[in-house]
Amino acid sequence: MAKKVNTLVITVDRDDDLGKKTNLAGPIVGEKACIKAAETLAIADPGESDANAMFAAIKAYRELKELG
């Protein structure tokens, strides 16, 4: 029997661009909340790399979830 492993997928916004550009306060927890926050940030500043990092974390989460 395989041992269940818990994995935390996290993205850190060290310069608080999410807060400054969207007025959202962290931490943002959960897939749906992270998607909404990343979309809000991407709309506020389409060139913001933190939005890309958030989407990459969501992708990694989904890939890990699919693997079980």
N, C-alpha and C. Protein backbone atom coordinates (compact mmCIF):
# COMPACT_ATOMS: atom_id res chain seq x y z
N MET A 1 0.84 -1.18 0.00
CA MET A 1 0.00 0.00 0.00
C MET A 1 0.89 1.24 0.00
N ALA A 2 0.60 2.16 -0.92
CA ALA A 2 1.39 3.38 -1.04
C ALA A 2 1.05 4.35 0.09
N LYS A 3 2.06 4.99 0.59
CA LYS A 3 1.87 5.97 1.65
C LYS A 3 1.36 7.28 1.05
N LYS A 4 0.32 7.84 1.64
CA LYS A 4 -0.22 9.11 1.15
C LYS A 4 0.71 10.24 1.56
N VAL A 5 1.00 11.12 0.60
CA VAL A 5 1.89 12.25 0.83
C VAL A 5 1.11 13.53 0.59
N ASN A 6 1.20 14.44 1.52
CA ASN A 6 0.59 15.75 1.34
C ASN A 6 1.62 16.69 0.73
N THR A 7 1.19 17.47 -0.24
CA THR A 7 2.07 18.41 -0.91
C THR A 7 1.43 19.79 -0.87
N LEU A 8 2.21 20.79 -0.53
CA LEU A 8 1.74 22.17 -0.52
C LEU A 8 2.29 22.87 -1.76
N VAL A 9 1.40 23.47 -2.53
CA VAL A 9 1.81 24.27 -3.69
C VAL A 9 1.62 25.72 -3.26
N ILE A 10 2.68 26.50 -3.33
CA ILE A 10 2.64 27.86 -2.82
C ILE A 10 3.36 28.81 -3.77
N THR A 11 2.83 30.00 -3.88
CA THR A 11 3.49 31.08 -4.61
C THR A 11 3.61 32.26 -3.66
N VAL A 12 4.78 32.85 -3.60
CA VAL A 12 5.02 33.96 -2.67
C VAL A 12 5.19 35.25 -3.47
N ASP A 13 4.40 36.25 -3.11
CA ASP A 13 4.48 37.57 -3.73
C ASP A 13 5.23 38.49 -2.77
N ARG A 14 6.53 38.47 -2.85
CA ARG A 14 7.36 39.18 -1.87
C ARG A 14 7.19 40.69 -1.90
N ASP A 15 6.87 41.26 -3.06
CA ASP A 15 6.75 42.71 -3.14
C ASP A 15 5.30 43.19 -3.06
N ASP A 16 4.37 42.29 -2.77
CA ASP A 16 2.95 42.59 -2.59
C ASP A 16 2.31 43.30 -3.78
N ASP A 17 2.67 42.92 -4.98
CA ASP A 17 2.00 43.50 -6.16
C ASP A 17 0.52 43.14 -6.17
N LEU A 18 0.19 41.95 -5.72
CA LEU A 18 -1.22 41.56 -5.66
C LEU A 18 -2.00 42.53 -4.79
N GLY A 19 -1.50 42.82 -3.63
CA GLY A 19 -2.17 43.76 -2.72
C GLY A 19 -2.19 45.17 -3.26
N LYS A 20 -1.07 45.62 -3.79
CA LYS A 20 -0.97 47.00 -4.29
C LYS A 20 -1.85 47.24 -5.51
N LYS A 21 -1.93 46.26 -6.39
CA LYS A 21 -2.62 46.46 -7.67
C LYS A 21 -4.07 46.01 -7.67
N THR A 22 -4.46 45.19 -6.67
CA THR A 22 -5.84 44.69 -6.65
C THR A 22 -6.55 44.93 -5.32
N ASN A 23 -5.83 45.36 -4.32
CA ASN A 23 -6.36 45.52 -2.95
C ASN A 23 -6.80 44.20 -2.35
N LEU A 24 -6.31 43.08 -2.86
CA LEU A 24 -6.60 41.78 -2.26
C LEU A 24 -5.56 41.50 -1.18
N ALA A 25 -6.01 41.00 -0.06
CA ALA A 25 -5.11 40.68 1.04
C ALA A 25 -4.84 39.18 1.05
N GLY A 26 -3.59 38.82 1.24
CA GLY A 26 -3.23 37.41 1.32
C GLY A 26 -3.31 36.92 2.74
N PRO A 27 -3.23 35.65 2.95
CA PRO A 27 -3.02 34.64 1.92
C PRO A 27 -4.30 34.32 1.16
N ILE A 28 -4.13 33.97 -0.09
CA ILE A 28 -5.23 33.51 -0.94
C ILE A 28 -5.15 31.98 -0.92
N VAL A 29 -6.21 31.33 -0.49
CA VAL A 29 -6.19 29.88 -0.29
C VAL A 29 -7.29 29.22 -1.12
N GLY A 30 -6.94 28.15 -1.80
CA GLY A 30 -7.89 27.38 -2.57
C GLY A 30 -7.78 27.68 -4.05
N GLU A 31 -8.07 26.65 -4.85
CA GLU A 31 -7.91 26.78 -6.30
C GLU A 31 -8.78 27.89 -6.88
N LYS A 32 -10.06 27.90 -6.55
CA LYS A 32 -10.96 28.90 -7.13
C LYS A 32 -10.56 30.31 -6.72
N ALA A 33 -10.21 30.50 -5.46
CA ALA A 33 -9.79 31.82 -4.98
C ALA A 33 -8.50 32.27 -5.66
N CYS A 34 -7.58 31.33 -5.88
CA CYS A 34 -6.32 31.66 -6.55
C CYS A 34 -6.54 32.03 -8.01
N ILE A 35 -7.44 31.31 -8.68
CA ILE A 35 -7.75 31.65 -10.07
C ILE A 35 -8.35 33.04 -10.15
N LYS A 36 -9.29 33.33 -9.28
CA LYS A 36 -9.92 34.66 -9.28
C LYS A 36 -8.90 35.76 -8.99
N ALA A 37 -8.02 35.52 -8.02
CA ALA A 37 -7.00 36.52 -7.69
C ALA A 37 -6.02 36.71 -8.85
N ALA A 38 -5.60 35.61 -9.48
CA ALA A 38 -4.67 35.71 -10.61
C ALA A 38 -5.32 36.44 -11.79
N GLU A 39 -6.59 36.15 -12.05
CA GLU A 39 -7.30 36.85 -13.12
C GLU A 39 -7.42 38.34 -12.81
N THR A 40 -7.74 38.66 -11.57
CA THR A 40 -7.88 40.06 -11.16
C THR A 40 -6.56 40.80 -11.34
N LEU A 41 -5.46 40.16 -10.94
CA LEU A 41 -4.14 40.78 -11.09
C LEU A 41 -3.76 40.92 -12.56
N ALA A 42 -4.04 39.90 -13.36
CA ALA A 42 -3.70 39.95 -14.78
C ALA A 42 -4.48 41.04 -15.51
N ILE A 43 -5.72 41.27 -15.09
CA ILE A 43 -6.52 42.34 -15.70
C ILE A 43 -6.00 43.70 -15.25
N ALA A 44 -5.63 43.82 -13.98
CA ALA A 44 -5.11 45.09 -13.47
C ALA A 44 -3.78 45.45 -14.11
N ASP A 45 -2.94 44.43 -14.36
CA ASP A 45 -1.63 44.67 -14.98
C ASP A 45 -1.26 43.43 -15.80
N PRO A 46 -1.60 43.43 -17.09
CA PRO A 46 -1.37 42.26 -17.94
C PRO A 46 0.09 41.80 -18.01
N GLY A 47 1.02 42.66 -17.73
CA GLY A 47 2.43 42.30 -17.78
C GLY A 47 3.00 41.83 -16.44
N GLU A 48 2.16 41.71 -15.44
CA GLU A 48 2.63 41.37 -14.09
C GLU A 48 3.06 39.90 -14.00
N SER A 49 4.32 39.69 -13.68
CA SER A 49 4.85 38.33 -13.61
C SER A 49 4.27 37.53 -12.45
N ASP A 50 3.81 38.18 -11.40
CA ASP A 50 3.21 37.45 -10.29
C ASP A 50 1.94 36.73 -10.72
N ALA A 51 1.20 37.30 -11.67
CA ALA A 51 0.01 36.62 -12.19
C ALA A 51 0.43 35.33 -12.90
N ASN A 52 1.49 35.40 -13.69
CA ASN A 52 1.99 34.19 -14.36
C ASN A 52 2.43 33.14 -13.34
N ALA A 53 3.07 33.57 -12.28
CA ALA A 53 3.50 32.64 -11.23
C ALA A 53 2.30 31.98 -10.57
N MET A 54 1.24 32.74 -10.35
CA MET A 54 0.03 32.18 -9.74
C MET A 54 -0.61 31.14 -10.67
N PHE A 55 -0.69 31.45 -11.95
CA PHE A 55 -1.24 30.48 -12.91
C PHE A 55 -0.36 29.23 -13.00
N ALA A 56 0.95 29.40 -12.90
CA ALA A 56 1.85 28.25 -12.92
C ALA A 56 1.63 27.37 -11.69
N ALA A 57 1.40 27.99 -10.54
CA ALA A 57 1.13 27.22 -9.32
C ALA A 57 -0.19 26.46 -9.45
N ILE A 58 -1.19 27.09 -10.05
CA ILE A 58 -2.48 26.42 -10.27
C ILE A 58 -2.29 25.22 -11.19
N LYS A 59 -1.50 25.40 -12.23
CA LYS A 59 -1.22 24.30 -13.16
C LYS A 59 -0.51 23.15 -12.44
N ALA A 60 0.50 23.48 -11.63
CA ALA A 60 1.22 22.45 -10.88
C ALA A 60 0.28 21.72 -9.93
N TYR A 61 -0.59 22.44 -9.26
CA TYR A 61 -1.57 21.82 -8.36
C TYR A 61 -2.44 20.83 -9.12
N ARG A 62 -2.96 21.25 -10.27
CA ARG A 62 -3.84 20.37 -11.05
C ARG A 62 -3.11 19.13 -11.53
N GLU A 63 -1.86 19.28 -11.94
CA GLU A 63 -1.07 18.14 -12.41
C GLU A 63 -0.82 17.16 -11.26
N LEU A 64 -0.49 17.69 -10.08
CA LEU A 64 -0.27 16.82 -8.92
C LEU A 64 -1.57 16.13 -8.49
N LYS A 65 -2.65 16.87 -8.55
CA LYS A 65 -3.96 16.31 -8.18
C LYS A 65 -4.32 15.16 -9.12
N GLU A 66 -4.04 15.33 -10.40
CA GLU A 66 -4.32 14.30 -11.38
C GLU A 66 -3.50 13.03 -11.13
N LEU A 67 -2.30 13.21 -10.66
CA LEU A 67 -1.44 12.06 -10.35
C LEU A 67 -1.88 11.34 -9.08
N GLY A 68 -2.71 12.01 -8.29
CA GLY A 68 -3.20 11.38 -7.06
C GLY A 68 -2.36 11.74 -5.89
